[in-house]
Protein backbone atom coordinates (compact mmCIF):
# COMPACT_ATOMS: atom_id res chain seq x y z
CA MET A 1 -0.28 0.01 0.08
CA ILE A 2 1.32 3.29 -1.60
CA ASN A 3 1.97 6.20 1.24
CA TRP A 4 0.42 8.86 -0.14
CA SER A 5 2.05 11.34 2.38
CA HIS A 6 5.35 11.38 0.78
CA TYR A 7 4.20 12.86 -2.24
CA PRO A 8 2.71 16.29 -1.20
CA ASN A 9 2.17 17.75 -4.23
CA PHE A 10 0.20 14.69 -5.55
CA THR A 11 -3.22 12.88 -4.53
CA GLU A 12 -4.42 9.42 -4.64
CA ALA A 13 -7.65 10.47 -5.96
CA GLU A 14 -5.66 11.95 -9.09
CA PHE A 15 -4.15 8.90 -9.97
CA ALA A 16 -6.96 6.60 -9.38
CA CYS A 17 -8.82 4.42 -12.29
CA GLN A 18 -10.58 6.46 -14.37
CA CYS A 19 -13.26 3.53 -14.96
CA GLY A 20 -14.87 3.90 -11.61
CA CYS A 21 -13.01 1.03 -9.81
CA GLY A 22 -11.09 3.44 -7.82
CA LYS A 23 -7.75 1.86 -8.07
CA ALA A 24 -4.61 3.91 -7.42
CA ASP A 25 -2.05 1.03 -7.23
CA MET A 26 1.02 3.14 -7.98
CA ASP A 27 4.25 1.91 -7.36
CA PRO A 28 6.14 3.99 -4.87
CA GLY A 29 9.51 4.05 -6.35
CA PHE A 30 7.80 5.42 -9.58
CA MET A 31 5.71 8.41 -7.44
CA GLY A 32 9.25 9.27 -5.67
CA LYS A 33 10.48 9.90 -8.88
CA LEU A 34 7.64 12.05 -10.14
CA GLN A 35 7.96 13.60 -6.77
CA GLN A 36 11.34 14.75 -8.06
CA VAL A 37 10.30 15.97 -11.11
CA ARG A 38 7.40 18.24 -9.42
CA THR A 39 9.55 19.59 -6.73
CA ALA A 40 12.40 20.40 -9.41
CA VAL A 41 9.96 22.02 -11.76
CA ASP A 42 8.60 23.94 -9.07
CA LYS A 43 5.08 24.26 -10.84
CA PRO A 44 1.89 22.08 -10.70
CA MET A 45 1.77 19.07 -12.69
CA ARG A 46 -1.78 17.84 -13.93
CA ILE A 47 -1.97 14.33 -14.34
CA THR A 48 -5.09 13.26 -16.95
CA SER A 49 -4.16 9.71 -16.46
CA GLY A 50 -2.62 7.54 -13.60
CA PHE A 51 -3.18 4.00 -12.94
CA ARG A 52 -5.68 1.99 -14.93
CA CYS A 53 -7.17 -1.18 -14.02
CA ALA A 54 -6.39 -4.09 -16.91
CA ILE A 55 -10.30 -3.80 -18.09
CA HIS A 56 -10.16 0.13 -18.56
CA ASN A 57 -6.55 -0.28 -20.45
CA GLN A 58 -7.72 -2.47 -22.79
CA LYS A 59 -11.09 -0.29 -23.63
CA VAL A 60 -8.77 2.70 -23.70
CA SER A 61 -5.39 1.76 -25.19
CA SER A 62 -3.68 -0.43 -27.72
CA THR A 63 -1.56 -1.62 -25.00
CA GLY A 64 -4.26 -3.94 -24.20
CA PRO A 65 -4.47 -5.53 -20.30
CA ASN A 66 -1.27 -5.50 -19.82
CA GLY A 67 -0.10 -1.60 -20.68
CA PRO A 68 2.19 0.20 -18.70
CA HIS A 69 -0.09 1.99 -16.76
CA THR A 70 -1.70 -0.84 -15.48
CA THR A 71 1.71 -1.37 -13.78
CA GLY A 72 1.64 1.94 -11.53
CA ARG A 73 4.72 2.91 -13.04
CA ALA A 74 3.16 5.10 -15.97
CA CYS A 75 0.95 8.45 -16.24
CA ASP A 76 -0.21 10.95 -18.37
CA ILE A 77 0.46 14.87 -17.74
CA GLY A 78 -1.20 17.47 -19.20
CA VAL A 79 1.11 20.14 -20.40
CA GLN A 80 1.75 22.16 -23.41
CA GLY A 81 3.74 24.39 -25.30
CA ALA A 82 6.86 25.73 -23.69
CA GLU A 83 5.91 24.08 -20.48
CA ALA A 84 6.12 20.98 -22.04
CA LYS A 85 9.50 21.59 -23.47
CA ARG A 86 11.29 22.76 -19.79
CA LEU A 87 8.98 19.63 -18.43
CA LEU A 88 10.55 17.29 -20.75
CA SER A 89 14.18 18.16 -19.71
CA PHE A 90 13.70 17.48 -16.44
CA LEU A 91 11.14 14.19 -17.18
CA ALA A 92 14.55 12.91 -19.25
CA ILE A 93 16.45 12.54 -16.09
CA HIS A 94 14.00 10.20 -14.11
CA PHE A 95 12.09 7.71 -16.84
CA SER A 96 13.12 5.48 -19.54
CA GLY A 97 10.13 5.70 -21.25
CA ILE A 98 8.50 9.44 -22.53
CA GLY A 99 5.65 9.78 -25.14
CA ILE A 100 4.86 13.34 -26.66
CA GLN A 101 1.43 14.29 -28.08
CA GLN A 102 1.43 18.09 -28.54
CA LYS A 103 -1.39 18.22 -31.42
CA GLY A 104 -5.08 18.81 -30.98
CA SER A 105 -6.78 19.38 -27.81
CA GLY A 106 -5.33 16.40 -25.97
CA ARG A 107 -2.10 17.43 -25.36
CA PHE A 108 0.13 15.41 -23.28
CA ILE A 109 3.47 13.83 -22.29
CA HIS A 110 3.68 10.00 -20.97
CA VAL A 111 6.23 9.10 -18.41
CA ASP A 112 7.02 5.62 -17.49
CA ASP A 113 10.23 4.11 -15.86
CA LEU A 114 9.85 0.22 -17.51
CA THR A 115 12.93 -0.90 -19.33
CA PRO A 116 13.09 -3.84 -21.77
CA PRO A 117 13.09 -7.10 -21.76
CA GLU A 118 10.17 -5.97 -19.19
CA TYR A 119 8.19 -3.51 -21.78
CA PRO A 120 9.85 -3.69 -25.09
CA ARG A 121 9.06 -0.27 -26.81
CA PRO A 122 11.02 2.89 -27.68
CA ASN A 123 12.53 5.67 -25.10
CA LEU A 124 11.07 8.27 -27.28
CA TRP A 125 8.39 8.51 -28.92
CA SER A 126 5.31 10.75 -30.55
CA TYR A 127 1.44 9.97 -30.72
């Protein structure tokens, strides 16, 4: 069970699965890295997707029931423009997987700390 008081800039509610099951089984190591980034950037980070249960992930992601969000070691951060560029410089220090969606209305940066062979994919990609 994660102790959310160790991450003063984040709440369990913002990482809860959006299907309504309420699971927010985030990995403490991942959250520690995210808190380090938040402290360094000294600005709020809007989490648009945190933990996803297998059923919800299969509905919303091409990664199916076993995607990175189902591990508690991934999240999406709503950010755009100059703030996205600035945030990327901090994220790249702590995370092995960074996906960028910076067009259209749903702009975000995905981060995870999964590595091959655990989860094979590029280290940096765009959606």
